[in-house]
């Protein structure tokens, strides 16, 4: 189970299964939430729509990092 929230300007995501706590930027927190169901194409499309200023390579790298953390 993943829980994300913002506190005092920090975007925090807690993975209850591994007890890991991650501090991200807003885009990272959104990527985690959008990619929770595992649909990479959908997450990529939605992130590109929400953050058109972020290069596709950065979105792909972020999702790759999420895949690594899941493994």
N, C-alpha and C. Protein backbone atom coordinates (compact mmCIF):
# COMPACT_ATOMS: atom_id res chain seq x y z
N UNK A 1 0.84 -1.17 0.00
CA UNK A 1 0.00 0.00 0.00
C UNK A 1 0.89 1.23 0.00
N UNK A 2 0.52 2.19 -0.83
CA UNK A 2 1.28 3.43 -0.95
C UNK A 2 0.41 4.59 -0.50
N UNK A 3 1.01 5.48 0.26
CA UNK A 3 0.30 6.65 0.74
C UNK A 3 1.16 7.87 0.41
N UNK A 4 0.59 8.85 -0.31
CA UNK A 4 1.31 10.06 -0.67
C UNK A 4 0.60 11.27 -0.09
N UNK A 5 1.41 12.24 0.33
CA UNK A 5 0.86 13.48 0.87
C UNK A 5 1.91 14.58 0.78
N UNK A 6 1.46 15.81 0.98
CA UNK A 6 2.36 16.96 0.99
C UNK A 6 2.30 17.59 2.38
N UNK A 7 3.48 17.84 2.94
CA UNK A 7 3.57 18.42 4.28
C UNK A 7 4.67 19.47 4.28
N UNK A 8 4.32 20.69 4.62
CA UNK A 8 5.28 21.79 4.68
C UNK A 8 6.09 21.93 3.39
N UNK A 9 5.44 21.72 2.25
CA UNK A 9 6.09 21.86 0.96
C UNK A 9 6.85 20.64 0.48
N UNK A 10 6.91 19.59 1.29
CA UNK A 10 7.57 18.35 0.90
C UNK A 10 6.54 17.35 0.40
N UNK A 11 6.84 16.71 -0.73
CA UNK A 11 5.97 15.70 -1.30
C UNK A 11 6.52 14.34 -0.85
N UNK A 12 5.76 13.66 -0.01
CA UNK A 12 6.23 12.45 0.66
C UNK A 12 5.37 11.26 0.23
N UNK A 13 6.03 10.16 -0.09
CA UNK A 13 5.34 8.92 -0.41
C UNK A 13 5.86 7.83 0.51
N UNK A 14 4.94 7.14 1.16
CA UNK A 14 5.29 6.06 2.08
C UNK A 14 4.81 4.74 1.48
N UNK A 15 5.73 3.78 1.38
CA UNK A 15 5.40 2.43 0.94
C UNK A 15 5.30 1.57 2.18
N UNK A 16 4.07 1.27 2.59
CA UNK A 16 3.85 0.53 3.83
C UNK A 16 4.41 -0.89 3.77
N UNK A 17 4.45 -1.49 2.59
CA UNK A 17 4.93 -2.86 2.46
C UNK A 17 6.42 -2.97 2.76
N UNK A 18 7.20 -1.97 2.33
CA UNK A 18 8.64 -2.03 2.54
C UNK A 18 9.13 -1.07 3.63
N UNK A 19 8.21 -0.28 4.16
CA UNK A 19 8.54 0.75 5.17
C UNK A 19 9.46 1.83 4.60
N UNK A 20 9.44 2.00 3.28
CA UNK A 20 10.27 3.01 2.64
C UNK A 20 9.53 4.34 2.60
N UNK A 21 10.28 5.42 2.80
CA UNK A 21 9.75 6.78 2.72
C UNK A 21 10.53 7.50 1.64
N UNK A 22 9.82 8.10 0.68
CA UNK A 22 10.45 8.80 -0.43
C UNK A 22 9.99 10.25 -0.44
N UNK A 23 10.93 11.16 -0.60
CA UNK A 23 10.62 12.57 -0.78
C UNK A 23 10.87 12.89 -2.25
N UNK A 24 9.84 13.37 -2.93
CA UNK A 24 9.92 13.61 -4.37
C UNK A 24 9.50 15.04 -4.69
N UNK A 25 9.55 15.37 -5.96
CA UNK A 25 8.93 16.61 -6.40
C UNK A 25 7.47 16.30 -6.74
N UNK A 26 6.72 17.30 -7.12
CA UNK A 26 5.29 17.12 -7.41
C UNK A 26 5.08 16.12 -8.56
N UNK A 27 5.93 16.24 -9.60
CA UNK A 27 5.79 15.34 -10.74
C UNK A 27 6.07 13.89 -10.35
N UNK A 28 7.05 13.68 -9.49
CA UNK A 28 7.36 12.33 -9.03
C UNK A 28 6.22 11.72 -8.23
N UNK A 29 5.62 12.53 -7.37
CA UNK A 29 4.50 12.04 -6.58
C UNK A 29 3.31 11.69 -7.49
N UNK A 30 3.07 12.52 -8.48
CA UNK A 30 2.00 12.23 -9.43
C UNK A 30 2.31 10.97 -10.24
N UNK A 31 3.57 10.80 -10.63
CA UNK A 31 3.96 9.61 -11.40
C UNK A 31 3.70 8.35 -10.59
N UNK A 32 4.05 8.37 -9.32
CA UNK A 32 3.82 7.21 -8.46
C UNK A 32 2.33 6.88 -8.39
N UNK A 33 1.52 7.90 -8.22
CA UNK A 33 0.07 7.69 -8.11
C UNK A 33 -0.52 7.19 -9.43
N UNK A 34 -0.10 7.78 -10.54
CA UNK A 34 -0.65 7.40 -11.84
C UNK A 34 -0.18 6.02 -12.31
N UNK A 35 0.98 5.60 -11.84
CA UNK A 35 1.57 4.34 -12.28
C UNK A 35 1.29 3.20 -11.29
N UNK A 36 0.51 3.48 -10.27
CA UNK A 36 0.23 2.46 -9.25
C UNK A 36 -0.45 1.22 -9.82
N UNK A 37 -1.29 1.41 -10.85
CA UNK A 37 -1.98 0.26 -11.45
C UNK A 37 -1.10 -0.50 -12.45
N UNK A 38 0.10 0.02 -12.75
CA UNK A 38 1.03 -0.69 -13.63
C UNK A 38 0.86 -0.42 -15.10
N UNK A 39 -0.06 0.45 -15.49
CA UNK A 39 -0.28 0.77 -16.90
C UNK A 39 0.67 1.90 -17.31
N UNK A 40 1.84 1.51 -17.82
CA UNK A 40 2.89 2.47 -18.15
C UNK A 40 2.47 3.45 -19.25
N UNK A 41 1.83 2.95 -20.29
CA UNK A 41 1.41 3.82 -21.39
C UNK A 41 0.43 4.89 -20.91
N UNK A 42 -0.51 4.49 -20.10
CA UNK A 42 -1.50 5.43 -19.57
C UNK A 42 -0.82 6.46 -18.67
N UNK A 43 0.08 6.01 -17.80
CA UNK A 43 0.78 6.92 -16.91
C UNK A 43 1.63 7.92 -17.71
N UNK A 44 2.31 7.42 -18.72
CA UNK A 44 3.14 8.30 -19.56
C UNK A 44 2.28 9.37 -20.24
N UNK A 45 1.17 8.95 -20.82
CA UNK A 45 0.29 9.88 -21.51
C UNK A 45 -0.26 10.95 -20.55
N UNK A 46 -0.72 10.52 -19.38
CA UNK A 46 -1.29 11.46 -18.43
C UNK A 46 -0.23 12.42 -17.88
N UNK A 47 0.98 11.93 -17.66
CA UNK A 47 2.05 12.80 -17.19
C UNK A 47 2.46 13.81 -18.26
N UNK A 48 2.49 13.38 -19.52
CA UNK A 48 2.80 14.30 -20.61
C UNK A 48 1.74 15.39 -20.74
N UNK A 49 0.48 15.02 -20.53
CA UNK A 49 -0.60 16.01 -20.61
C UNK A 49 -0.53 16.99 -19.45
N UNK A 50 -0.23 16.48 -18.25
CA UNK A 50 -0.22 17.34 -17.06
C UNK A 50 1.04 18.20 -16.99
N UNK A 51 2.16 17.66 -17.46
CA UNK A 51 3.44 18.37 -17.39
C UNK A 51 4.10 18.43 -18.77
N UNK A 52 3.56 19.24 -19.68
CA UNK A 52 4.11 19.29 -21.04
C UNK A 52 5.54 19.82 -21.10
N UNK A 53 5.97 20.52 -20.05
CA UNK A 53 7.33 21.07 -20.03
C UNK A 53 8.38 20.02 -19.67
N UNK A 54 7.96 18.87 -19.16
CA UNK A 54 8.89 17.80 -18.77
C UNK A 54 9.17 16.92 -19.98
N UNK A 55 10.45 16.76 -20.34
CA UNK A 55 10.78 15.91 -21.50
C UNK A 55 10.35 14.46 -21.30
N UNK A 56 10.00 13.81 -22.38
CA UNK A 56 9.58 12.41 -22.34
C UNK A 56 10.66 11.53 -21.73
N UNK A 57 11.92 11.83 -21.99
CA UNK A 57 13.02 11.04 -21.43
C UNK A 57 13.01 11.09 -19.91
N UNK A 58 12.67 12.23 -19.33
CA UNK A 58 12.60 12.35 -17.87
C UNK A 58 11.43 11.55 -17.30
N UNK A 59 10.30 11.57 -18.01
CA UNK A 59 9.14 10.79 -17.57
C UNK A 59 9.47 9.30 -17.61
N UNK A 60 10.11 8.88 -18.70
CA UNK A 60 10.50 7.47 -18.86
C UNK A 60 11.47 7.06 -17.76
N UNK A 61 12.44 7.92 -17.46
CA UNK A 61 13.42 7.61 -16.41
C UNK A 61 12.74 7.49 -15.05
N UNK A 62 11.79 8.36 -14.78
CA UNK A 62 11.04 8.32 -13.52
C UNK A 62 10.28 7.01 -13.39
N UNK A 63 9.59 6.60 -14.46
CA UNK A 63 8.84 5.35 -14.43
C UNK A 63 9.78 4.15 -14.31
N UNK A 64 10.95 4.24 -14.93
CA UNK A 64 11.96 3.17 -14.78
C UNK A 64 12.40 3.06 -13.32
N UNK A 65 12.59 4.20 -12.66
CA UNK A 65 12.96 4.20 -11.25
C UNK A 65 11.88 3.56 -10.39
N UNK A 66 10.62 3.84 -10.71
CA UNK A 66 9.50 3.24 -9.98
C UNK A 66 9.51 1.72 -10.18
N UNK A 67 9.77 1.28 -11.43
CA UNK A 67 9.87 -0.16 -11.70
C UNK A 67 10.98 -0.80 -10.86
N UNK A 68 12.10 -0.13 -10.75
CA UNK A 68 13.23 -0.65 -9.97
C UNK A 68 12.85 -0.77 -8.51
N UNK A 69 12.17 0.22 -7.97
CA UNK A 69 11.76 0.18 -6.57
C UNK A 69 10.74 -0.94 -6.33
N UNK A 70 9.88 -1.18 -7.29
CA UNK A 70 8.88 -2.26 -7.14
C UNK A 70 9.57 -3.62 -7.09
N UNK A 71 10.60 -3.77 -7.91
CA UNK A 71 11.30 -5.07 -7.99
C UNK A 71 12.07 -5.31 -6.71
